[in-house]
All heavy atoms as atom14 arrays in JSON, in Angstrom:
{
  "sequence": "QRDGDTLTLRWHAPNNLPFPMPVDVQVGETVHTLPMTHGEGTI",
  "atom14_mask": [
    [1, 1, 1, 1, 1, 1, 1, 1, 1, 0, 0, 0, 0, 0],
    [1, 1, 1, 1, 1, 1, 1, 1, 1, 1, 1, 0, 0, 0],
    [1, 1, 1, 1, 1, 1, 1, 1, 0, 0, 0, 0, 0, 0],
    [1, 1, 1, 1, 0, 0, 0, 0, 0, 0, 0, 0, 0, 0],
    [1, 1, 1, 1, 1, 1, 1, 1, 0, 0, 0, 0, 0, 0],
    [1, 1, 1, 1, 1, 1, 1, 0, 0, 0, 0, 0, 0, 0],
    [1, 1, 1, 1, 1, 1, 1, 1, 0, 0, 0, 0, 0, 0],
    [1, 1, 1, 1, 1, 1, 1, 0, 0, 0, 0, 0, 0, 0],
    [1, 1, 1, 1, 1, 1, 1, 1, 0, 0, 0, 0, 0, 0],
    [1, 1, 1, 1, 1, 1, 1, 1, 1, 1, 1, 0, 0, 0],
    [1, 1, 1, 1, 1, 1, 1, 1, 1, 1, 1, 1, 1, 1],
    [1, 1, 1, 1, 1, 1, 1, 1, 1, 1, 0, 0, 0, 0],
    [1, 1, 1, 1, 1, 0, 0, 0, 0, 0, 0, 0, 0, 0],
    [1, 1, 1, 1, 1, 1, 1, 0, 0, 0, 0, 0, 0, 0],
    [1, 1, 1, 1, 1, 1, 1, 1, 0, 0, 0, 0, 0, 0],
    [1, 1, 1, 1, 1, 1, 1, 1, 0, 0, 0, 0, 0, 0],
    [1, 1, 1, 1, 1, 1, 1, 1, 0, 0, 0, 0, 0, 0],
    [1, 1, 1, 1, 1, 1, 1, 0, 0, 0, 0, 0, 0, 0],
    [1, 1, 1, 1, 1, 1, 1, 1, 1, 1, 1, 0, 0, 0],
    [1, 1, 1, 1, 1, 1, 1, 0, 0, 0, 0, 0, 0, 0],
    [1, 1, 1, 1, 1, 1, 1, 1, 0, 0, 0, 0, 0, 0],
    [1, 1, 1, 1, 1, 1, 1, 0, 0, 0, 0, 0, 0, 0],
    [1, 1, 1, 1, 1, 1, 1, 0, 0, 0, 0, 0, 0, 0],
    [1, 1, 1, 1, 1, 1, 1, 1, 0, 0, 0, 0, 0, 0],
    [1, 1, 1, 1, 1, 1, 1, 0, 0, 0, 0, 0, 0, 0],
    [1, 1, 1, 1, 1, 1, 1, 1, 1, 0, 0, 0, 0, 0],
    [1, 1, 1, 1, 1, 1, 1, 0, 0, 0, 0, 0, 0, 0],
    [1, 1, 1, 1, 0, 0, 0, 0, 0, 0, 0, 0, 0, 0],
    [1, 1, 1, 1, 1, 1, 1, 1, 1, 0, 0, 0, 0, 0],
    [1, 1, 1, 1, 1, 1, 1, 0, 0, 0, 0, 0, 0, 0],
    [1, 1, 1, 1, 1, 1, 1, 0, 0, 0, 0, 0, 0, 0],
    [1, 1, 1, 1, 1, 1, 1, 1, 1, 1, 0, 0, 0, 0],
    [1, 1, 1, 1, 1, 1, 1, 0, 0, 0, 0, 0, 0, 0],
    [1, 1, 1, 1, 1, 1, 1, 1, 0, 0, 0, 0, 0, 0],
    [1, 1, 1, 1, 1, 1, 1, 0, 0, 0, 0, 0, 0, 0],
    [1, 1, 1, 1, 1, 1, 1, 1, 0, 0, 0, 0, 0, 0],
    [1, 1, 1, 1, 1, 1, 1, 0, 0, 0, 0, 0, 0, 0],
    [1, 1, 1, 1, 1, 1, 1, 1, 1, 1, 0, 0, 0, 0],
    [1, 1, 1, 1, 0, 0, 0, 0, 0, 0, 0, 0, 0, 0],
    [1, 1, 1, 1, 1, 1, 1, 1, 1, 0, 0, 0, 0, 0],
    [1, 1, 1, 1, 0, 0, 0, 0, 0, 0, 0, 0, 0, 0],
    [1, 1, 1, 1, 1, 1, 1, 0, 0, 0, 0, 0, 0, 0],
    [1, 1, 1, 1, 1, 1, 1, 1, 0, 0, 0, 0, 0, 0]
  ],
  "atom14_positions": [
    [[-3.27, 3.51, 6.96], [-3.02, 4.41, 8.09], [-2.3, 5.66, 7.61], [-1.31, 5.58, 6.88], [-2.17, 3.7, 9.16], [-2.81, 2.47, 9.78], [-4.01, 2.8, 10.65], [-4.1, 3.91, 11.19], [-4.92, 1.85, 10.79], [0.0, 0.0, 0.0], [0.0, 0.0, 0.0], [0.0, 0.0, 0.0], [0.0, 0.0, 0.0], [0.0, 0.0, 0.0]],
    [[-2.81, 6.8, 8.05], [-2.13, 8.06, 7.73], [-1.51, 8.62, 9.0], [-2.17, 8.75, 10.03], [-3.11, 9.08, 7.15], [-2.46, 10.42, 6.79], [-3.41, 11.32, 6.06], [-2.74, 12.54, 5.57], [-3.28, 13.4, 4.73], [-4.52, 13.19, 4.26], [-2.61, 14.47, 4.33], [0.0, 0.0, 0.0], [0.0, 0.0, 0.0], [0.0, 0.0, 0.0]],
    [[-0.23, 8.93, 8.9], [0.49, 9.51, 10.03], [1.21, 10.75, 9.52], [2.29, 10.68, 8.91], [1.5, 8.5, 10.59], [2.21, 9.04, 11.84], [1.8, 10.1, 12.35], [3.17, 8.4, 12.27], [0.0, 0.0, 0.0], [0.0, 0.0, 0.0], [0.0, 0.0, 0.0], [0.0, 0.0, 0.0], [0.0, 0.0, 0.0], [0.0, 0.0, 0.0]],
    [[0.58, 11.9, 9.73], [1.16, 13.14, 9.25], [1.19, 13.18, 7.73], [0.15, 13.11, 7.07], [0.0, 0.0, 0.0], [0.0, 0.0, 0.0], [0.0, 0.0, 0.0], [0.0, 0.0, 0.0], [0.0, 0.0, 0.0], [0.0, 0.0, 0.0], [0.0, 0.0, 0.0], [0.0, 0.0, 0.0], [0.0, 0.0, 0.0], [0.0, 0.0, 0.0]],
    [[2.39, 13.26, 7.19], [2.52, 13.34, 5.74], [2.85, 11.99, 5.1], [3.3, 11.92, 3.95], [3.6, 14.36, 5.36], [4.97, 13.97, 5.9], [5.06, 12.97, 6.62], [5.95, 14.68, 5.58], [0.0, 0.0, 0.0], [0.0, 0.0, 0.0], [0.0, 0.0, 0.0], [0.0, 0.0, 0.0], [0.0, 0.0, 0.0], [0.0, 0.0, 0.0]],
    [[2.63, 10.91, 5.84], [2.94, 9.57, 5.33], [1.69, 8.69, 5.37], [1.01, 8.61, 6.39], [4.05, 8.9, 6.14], [5.22, 9.72, 6.1], [4.38, 7.53, 5.59], [0.0, 0.0, 0.0], [0.0, 0.0, 0.0], [0.0, 0.0, 0.0], [0.0, 0.0, 0.0], [0.0, 0.0, 0.0], [0.0, 0.0, 0.0], [0.0, 0.0, 0.0]],
    [[1.43, 8.03, 4.25], [0.34, 7.07, 4.17], [0.96, 5.68, 4.07], [1.78, 5.42, 3.18], [-0.53, 7.35, 2.93], [-1.81, 6.51, 2.81], [-2.83, 6.93, 3.87], [-2.42, 6.66, 1.41], [0.0, 0.0, 0.0], [0.0, 0.0, 0.0], [0.0, 0.0, 0.0], [0.0, 0.0, 0.0], [0.0, 0.0, 0.0], [0.0, 0.0, 0.0]],
    [[0.58, 4.79, 4.98], [1.12, 3.43, 5.01], [0.01, 2.43, 4.72], [-1.08, 2.5, 5.32], [1.75, 3.12, 6.38], [2.79, 4.08, 6.64], [2.33, 1.72, 6.4], [0.0, 0.0, 0.0], [0.0, 0.0, 0.0], [0.0, 0.0, 0.0], [0.0, 0.0, 0.0], [0.0, 0.0, 0.0], [0.0, 0.0, 0.0], [0.0, 0.0, 0.0]],
    [[0.27, 1.5, 3.81], [-0.69, 0.46, 3.45], [-0.08, -0.9, 3.74], [1.1, -1.14, 3.42], [-1.06, 0.54, 1.96], [-1.95, 1.72, 1.51], [-1.16, 3.01, 1.44], [-2.58, 1.41, 0.16], [0.0, 0.0, 0.0], [0.0, 0.0, 0.0], [0.0, 0.0, 0.0], [0.0, 0.0, 0.0], [0.0, 0.0, 0.0], [0.0, 0.0, 0.0]],
    [[-0.88, -1.8, 4.33], [-0.41, -3.16, 4.63], [-1.51, -4.16, 4.29], [-2.67, -3.98, 4.67], [-0.05, -3.31, 6.12], [1.19, -2.55, 6.55], [1.57, -2.89, 7.98], [2.75, -2.17, 8.42], [2.74, -0.96, 8.95], [1.58, -0.33, 9.13], [3.87, -0.39, 9.32], [0.0, 0.0, 0.0], [0.0, 0.0, 0.0], [0.0, 0.0, 0.0]],
    [[-1.12, -5.2, 3.59], [-2.04, -6.3, 3.32], [-2.04, -7.28, 4.49], [-0.98, -7.6, 5.04], [-1.64, -7.06, 2.06], [-2.04, -6.42, 0.77], [-1.21, -5.9, -0.18], [-3.37, -6.26, 0.28], [-1.94, -5.41, -1.25], [-3.27, -5.63, -0.99], [-4.64, -6.57, 0.77], [-4.39, -5.3, -1.77], [-5.75, -6.25, 0.0], [-5.63, -5.63, -1.25]],
    [[-3.22, -7.76, 4.85], [-3.37, -8.83, 5.83], [-4.14, -9.96, 5.14], [-5.36, -9.91, 5.01], [-4.12, -8.34, 7.08], [-3.39, -7.25, 7.81], [-2.42, -7.49, 8.77], [-3.49, -5.89, 7.72], [-1.96, -6.35, 9.23], [-2.59, -5.35, 8.62], [0.0, 0.0, 0.0], [0.0, 0.0, 0.0], [0.0, 0.0, 0.0], [0.0, 0.0, 0.0]],
    [[-3.41, -10.95, 4.68], [-4.03, -12.08, 3.97], [-4.35, -13.19, 4.96], [-3.72, -13.32, 6.01], [-3.1, -12.59, 2.89], [0.0, 0.0, 0.0], [0.0, 0.0, 0.0], [0.0, 0.0, 0.0], [0.0, 0.0, 0.0], [0.0, 0.0, 0.0], [0.0, 0.0, 0.0], [0.0, 0.0, 0.0], [0.0, 0.0, 0.0], [0.0, 0.0, 0.0]],
    [[-5.35, -14.03, 4.64], [-5.69, -15.15, 5.52], [-4.48, -16.04, 5.77], [-3.67, -16.28, 4.86], [-6.79, -15.9, 4.75], [-7.33, -14.9, 3.79], [-6.22, -13.97, 3.45], [0.0, 0.0, 0.0], [0.0, 0.0, 0.0], [0.0, 0.0, 0.0], [0.0, 0.0, 0.0], [0.0, 0.0, 0.0], [0.0, 0.0, 0.0], [0.0, 0.0, 0.0]],
    [[-4.34, -16.49, 7.01], [-3.24, -17.38, 7.41], [-1.87, -16.8, 7.11], [-0.9, -17.54, 6.9], [-3.4, -18.75, 6.72], [-4.63, -19.49, 7.17], [-4.92, -19.55, 8.36], [-5.39, -20.02, 6.23], [0.0, 0.0, 0.0], [0.0, 0.0, 0.0], [0.0, 0.0, 0.0], [0.0, 0.0, 0.0], [0.0, 0.0, 0.0], [0.0, 0.0, 0.0]],
    [[-1.81, -15.45, 7.08], [-0.54, -14.75, 6.88], [0.17, -15.15, 5.59], [1.4, -15.14, 5.5], [0.4, -14.97, 8.08], [-0.15, -14.38, 9.36], [-0.63, -13.24, 9.35], [-0.09, -15.14, 10.44], [0.0, 0.0, 0.0], [0.0, 0.0, 0.0], [0.0, 0.0, 0.0], [0.0, 0.0, 0.0], [0.0, 0.0, 0.0], [0.0, 0.0, 0.0]],
    [[-0.61, -15.49, 4.59], [-0.03, -15.85, 3.3], [0.56, -14.61, 2.63], [0.07, -13.49, 2.81], [-1.1, -16.45, 2.39], [-1.59, -17.84, 2.75], [-2.8, -18.21, 1.89], [-0.48, -18.87, 2.57], [0.0, 0.0, 0.0], [0.0, 0.0, 0.0], [0.0, 0.0, 0.0], [0.0, 0.0, 0.0], [0.0, 0.0, 0.0], [0.0, 0.0, 0.0]],
    [[1.62, -14.79, 1.85], [2.16, -13.65, 1.12], [1.15, -13.13, 0.1], [0.46, -13.91, -0.55], [3.41, -14.23, 0.43], [3.18, -15.71, 0.39], [2.37, -16.03, 1.61], [0.0, 0.0, 0.0], [0.0, 0.0, 0.0], [0.0, 0.0, 0.0], [0.0, 0.0, 0.0], [0.0, 0.0, 0.0], [0.0, 0.0, 0.0], [0.0, 0.0, 0.0]],
    [[1.08, -11.8, -0.01], [0.11, -11.2, -0.93], [0.63, -9.85, -1.42], [0.17, -8.79, -1.0], [-1.25, -11.03, -0.23], [-2.38, -10.72, -1.18], [-2.82, -11.69, -2.07], [-2.99, -9.48, -1.18], [-3.86, -11.41, -2.96], [-4.03, -9.19, -2.05], [-4.47, -10.17, -2.95], [0.0, 0.0, 0.0], [0.0, 0.0, 0.0], [0.0, 0.0, 0.0]],
    [[1.6, -9.87, -2.32], [2.2, -8.63, -2.82], [1.38, -8.0, -3.95], [1.89, -7.74, -5.06], [3.57, -9.09, -3.32], [3.33, -10.5, -3.78], [2.3, -11.07, -2.83], [0.0, 0.0, 0.0], [0.0, 0.0, 0.0], [0.0, 0.0, 0.0], [0.0, 0.0, 0.0], [0.0, 0.0, 0.0], [0.0, 0.0, 0.0], [0.0, 0.0, 0.0]],
    [[0.12, -7.73, -3.68], [-0.76, -7.16, -4.7], [-0.56, -5.65, -4.77], [-0.77, -4.93, -3.78], [-2.23, -7.47, -4.35], [-3.23, -7.01, -5.36], [-3.19, -8.06, -6.84], [-4.64, -7.43, -7.71], [0.0, 0.0, 0.0], [0.0, 0.0, 0.0], [0.0, 0.0, 0.0], [0.0, 0.0, 0.0], [0.0, 0.0, 0.0], [0.0, 0.0, 0.0]],
    [[-0.15, -5.13, -5.92], [0.05, -3.69, -6.04], [-1.25, -2.91, -5.76], [-2.34, -3.4, -6.03], [0.48, -3.51, -7.5], [1.01, -4.84, -7.91], [0.19, -5.84, -7.17], [0.0, 0.0, 0.0], [0.0, 0.0, 0.0], [0.0, 0.0, 0.0], [0.0, 0.0, 0.0], [0.0, 0.0, 0.0], [0.0, 0.0, 0.0], [0.0, 0.0, 0.0]],
    [[-1.09, -1.71, -5.22], [-2.22, -0.87, -4.87], [-2.02, 0.52, -5.47], [-0.95, 1.12, -5.3], [-2.39, -0.75, -3.35], [-3.58, 0.15, -3.01], [-2.58, -2.13, -2.71], [0.0, 0.0, 0.0], [0.0, 0.0, 0.0], [0.0, 0.0, 0.0], [0.0, 0.0, 0.0], [0.0, 0.0, 0.0], [0.0, 0.0, 0.0], [0.0, 0.0, 0.0]],
    [[-3.04, 1.02, -6.16], [-3.01, 2.39, -6.67], [-3.52, 3.35, -5.61], [-4.51, 3.06, -4.91], [-3.88, 2.52, -7.92], [-3.29, 1.82, -9.13], [-2.09, 1.47, -9.09], [-4.03, 1.62, -10.11], [0.0, 0.0, 0.0], [0.0, 0.0, 0.0], [0.0, 0.0, 0.0], [0.0, 0.0, 0.0], [0.0, 0.0, 0.0], [0.0, 0.0, 0.0]],
    [[-2.88, 4.49, -5.51], [-3.33, 5.57, -4.63], [-3.36, 6.86, -5.45], [-2.34, 7.23, -6.05], [-2.41, 5.75, -3.41], [-2.89, 6.91, -2.54], [-2.36, 4.46, -2.58], [0.0, 0.0, 0.0], [0.0, 0.0, 0.0], [0.0, 0.0, 0.0], [0.0, 0.0, 0.0], [0.0, 0.0, 0.0], [0.0, 0.0, 0.0], [0.0, 0.0, 0.0]],
    [[-4.5, 7.5, -5.5], [-4.61, 8.76, -6.22], [-4.47, 9.92, -5.24], [-5.2, 10.01, -4.26], [-5.95, 8.86, -6.96], [-6.09, 10.15, -7.76], [-7.31, 10.15, -8.65], [-7.85, 9.12, -8.99], [-7.75, 11.34, -9.04], [0.0, 0.0, 0.0], [0.0, 0.0, 0.0], [0.0, 0.0, 0.0], [0.0, 0.0, 0.0], [0.0, 0.0, 0.0]],
    [[-3.52, 10.8, -5.53], [-3.31, 12.01, -4.74], [-3.48, 13.18, -5.69], [-2.69, 13.35, -6.62], [-1.91, 12.04, -4.09], [-1.76, 13.3, -3.23], [-1.68, 10.79, -3.25], [0.0, 0.0, 0.0], [0.0, 0.0, 0.0], [0.0, 0.0, 0.0], [0.0, 0.0, 0.0], [0.0, 0.0, 0.0], [0.0, 0.0, 0.0], [0.0, 0.0, 0.0]],
    [[-4.52, 13.97, -5.46], [-4.84, 15.02, -6.41], [-5.22, 14.42, -7.73], [-6.1, 13.56, -7.81], [0.0, 0.0, 0.0], [0.0, 0.0, 0.0], [0.0, 0.0, 0.0], [0.0, 0.0, 0.0], [0.0, 0.0, 0.0], [0.0, 0.0, 0.0], [0.0, 0.0, 0.0], [0.0, 0.0, 0.0], [0.0, 0.0, 0.0], [0.0, 0.0, 0.0]],
    [[-4.54, 14.78, -8.8], [-4.83, 14.25, -10.13], [-3.86, 13.15, -10.54], [-3.94, 12.63, -11.66], [-4.78, 15.39, -11.16], [-5.84, 16.46, -10.95], [-5.77, 17.56, -12.0], [-4.83, 17.49, -12.83], [-6.63, 18.45, -11.98], [0.0, 0.0, 0.0], [0.0, 0.0, 0.0], [0.0, 0.0, 0.0], [0.0, 0.0, 0.0], [0.0, 0.0, 0.0]],
    [[-2.96, 12.79, -9.64], [-1.93, 11.81, -9.98], [-2.2, 10.48, -9.3], [-2.5, 10.43, -8.11], [-0.54, 12.32, -9.55], [-0.3, 13.6, -10.15], [0.55, 11.35, -9.95], [0.0, 0.0, 0.0], [0.0, 0.0, 0.0], [0.0, 0.0, 0.0], [0.0, 0.0, 0.0], [0.0, 0.0, 0.0], [0.0, 0.0, 0.0], [0.0, 0.0, 0.0]],
    [[-2.08, 9.4, -10.07], [-2.24, 8.05, -9.54], [-0.86, 7.42, -9.38], [-0.08, 7.34, -10.34], [-3.12, 7.17, -10.46], [-3.19, 5.75, -9.92], [-4.52, 7.76, -10.57], [0.0, 0.0, 0.0], [0.0, 0.0, 0.0], [0.0, 0.0, 0.0], [0.0, 0.0, 0.0], [0.0, 0.0, 0.0], [0.0, 0.0, 0.0], [0.0, 0.0, 0.0]],
    [[-0.55, 7.0, -8.15], [0.7, 6.35, -7.84], [0.43, 4.86, -7.6], [-0.54, 4.51, -6.93], [1.33, 6.95, -6.58], [1.49, 8.44, -6.63], [2.62, 9.06, -7.07], [0.6, 9.44, -6.3], [2.47, 10.38, -7.01], [1.25, 10.64, -6.55], [0.0, 0.0, 0.0], [0.0, 0.0, 0.0], [0.0, 0.0, 0.0], [0.0, 0.0, 0.0]],
    [[1.3, 4.0, -8.11], [1.17, 2.56, -7.89], [2.22, 2.1, -6.89], [3.42, 2.24, -7.15], [1.32, 1.77, -9.2], [0.3, 2.18, -10.12], [1.19, 0.28, -8.95], [0.0, 0.0, 0.0], [0.0, 0.0, 0.0], [0.0, 0.0, 0.0], [0.0, 0.0, 0.0], [0.0, 0.0, 0.0], [0.0, 0.0, 0.0], [0.0, 0.0, 0.0]],
    [[1.75, 1.58, -5.75], [2.64, 1.04, -4.74], [2.84, -0.44, -5.04], [1.85, -1.2, -5.08], [2.07, 1.23, -3.34], [2.26, 2.61, -2.68], [1.58, 3.71, -3.49], [1.73, 2.61, -1.25], [0.0, 0.0, 0.0], [0.0, 0.0, 0.0], [0.0, 0.0, 0.0], [0.0, 0.0, 0.0], [0.0, 0.0, 0.0], [0.0, 0.0, 0.0]],
    [[4.07, -0.9, -5.23], [4.29, -2.31, -5.61], [3.94, -3.29, -4.51], [3.66, -4.46, -4.8], [5.77, -2.35, -5.96], [6.38, -1.17, -5.27], [5.32, -0.11, -5.23], [0.0, 0.0, 0.0], [0.0, 0.0, 0.0], [0.0, 0.0, 0.0], [0.0, 0.0, 0.0], [0.0, 0.0, 0.0], [0.0, 0.0, 0.0], [0.0, 0.0, 0.0]],
    [[3.97, -2.87, -3.24], [3.59, -3.73, -2.1], [4.38, -5.03, -2.12], [3.86, -6.12, -1.85], [2.09, -4.01, -2.12], [1.2, -2.78, -2.2], [1.27, -1.76, -0.7], [0.26, -2.73, 0.42], [0.0, 0.0, 0.0], [0.0, 0.0, 0.0], [0.0, 0.0, 0.0], [0.0, 0.0, 0.0], [0.0, 0.0, 0.0], [0.0, 0.0, 0.0]],
    [[5.68, -4.92, -2.4], [6.52, -6.09, -2.62], [6.46, -7.09, -1.48], [6.37, -8.3, -1.69], [7.97, -5.65, -2.86], [8.0, -4.7, -3.93], [8.85, -6.84, -3.2], [0.0, 0.0, 0.0], [0.0, 0.0, 0.0], [0.0, 0.0, 0.0], [0.0, 0.0, 0.0], [0.0, 0.0, 0.0], [0.0, 0.0, 0.0], [0.0, 0.0, 0.0]],
    [[6.5, -6.62, -0.28], [6.42, -7.5, 0.89], [5.08, -7.34, 1.61], [4.99, -7.55, 2.82], [7.58, -7.22, 1.85], [8.93, -7.45, 1.22], [9.38, -8.71, 0.88], [9.9, -6.58, 0.84], [10.58, -8.61, 0.34], [10.92, -7.33, 0.3], [0.0, 0.0, 0.0], [0.0, 0.0, 0.0], [0.0, 0.0, 0.0], [0.0, 0.0, 0.0]],
    [[4.09, -6.93, 0.86], [2.76, -6.78, 1.43], [2.51, -5.43, 2.06], [1.46, -5.23, 2.69], [0.0, 0.0, 0.0], [0.0, 0.0, 0.0], [0.0, 0.0, 0.0], [0.0, 0.0, 0.0], [0.0, 0.0, 0.0], [0.0, 0.0, 0.0], [0.0, 0.0, 0.0], [0.0, 0.0, 0.0], [0.0, 0.0, 0.0], [0.0, 0.0, 0.0]],
    [[3.44, -4.47, 1.88], [3.22, -3.14, 2.44], [3.93, -2.1, 1.59], [4.81, -2.4, 0.79], [3.69, -3.06, 3.88], [5.17, -3.3, 4.09], [5.54, -3.17, 5.56], [5.12, -4.04, 6.35], [6.22, -2.19, 5.9], [0.0, 0.0, 0.0], [0.0, 0.0, 0.0], [0.0, 0.0, 0.0], [0.0, 0.0, 0.0], [0.0, 0.0, 0.0]],
    [[3.48, -0.85, 1.77], [4.07, 0.25, 1.03], [3.7, 1.57, 1.66], [2.75, 1.66, 2.44], [0.0, 0.0, 0.0], [0.0, 0.0, 0.0], [0.0, 0.0, 0.0], [0.0, 0.0, 0.0], [0.0, 0.0, 0.0], [0.0, 0.0, 0.0], [0.0, 0.0, 0.0], [0.0, 0.0, 0.0], [0.0, 0.0, 0.0], [0.0, 0.0, 0.0]],
    [[4.46, 2.61, 1.34], [4.19, 3.96, 1.88], [4.26, 4.97, 0.75], [4.9, 4.74, -0.29], [5.22, 4.34, 2.96], [6.54, 4.35, 2.38], [5.17, 3.37, 4.12], [0.0, 0.0, 0.0], [0.0, 0.0, 0.0], [0.0, 0.0, 0.0], [0.0, 0.0, 0.0], [0.0, 0.0, 0.0], [0.0, 0.0, 0.0], [0.0, 0.0, 0.0]],
    [[3.6, 6.1, 0.99], [3.63, 7.2, 0.04], [3.54, 8.5, 0.82], [2.81, 8.6, 1.83], [2.48, 7.1, -0.99], [2.58, 8.21, -2.04], [1.12, 7.1, -0.31], [1.59, 8.07, -3.19], [0.0, 0.0, 0.0], [0.0, 0.0, 0.0], [0.0, 0.0, 0.0], [0.0, 0.0, 0.0], [0.0, 0.0, 0.0], [0.0, 0.0, 0.0]]
  ]
}
């Protein structure tokens, strides 16, 4: 979800299992890695 200048990512795993899978987001020429520690992250 993008809200203005903030991008929010959330994992939804089956049966609400924990799933802290890191996610890469490329903005321009730069790749940022969101750790998604609790299943979500923002940039």
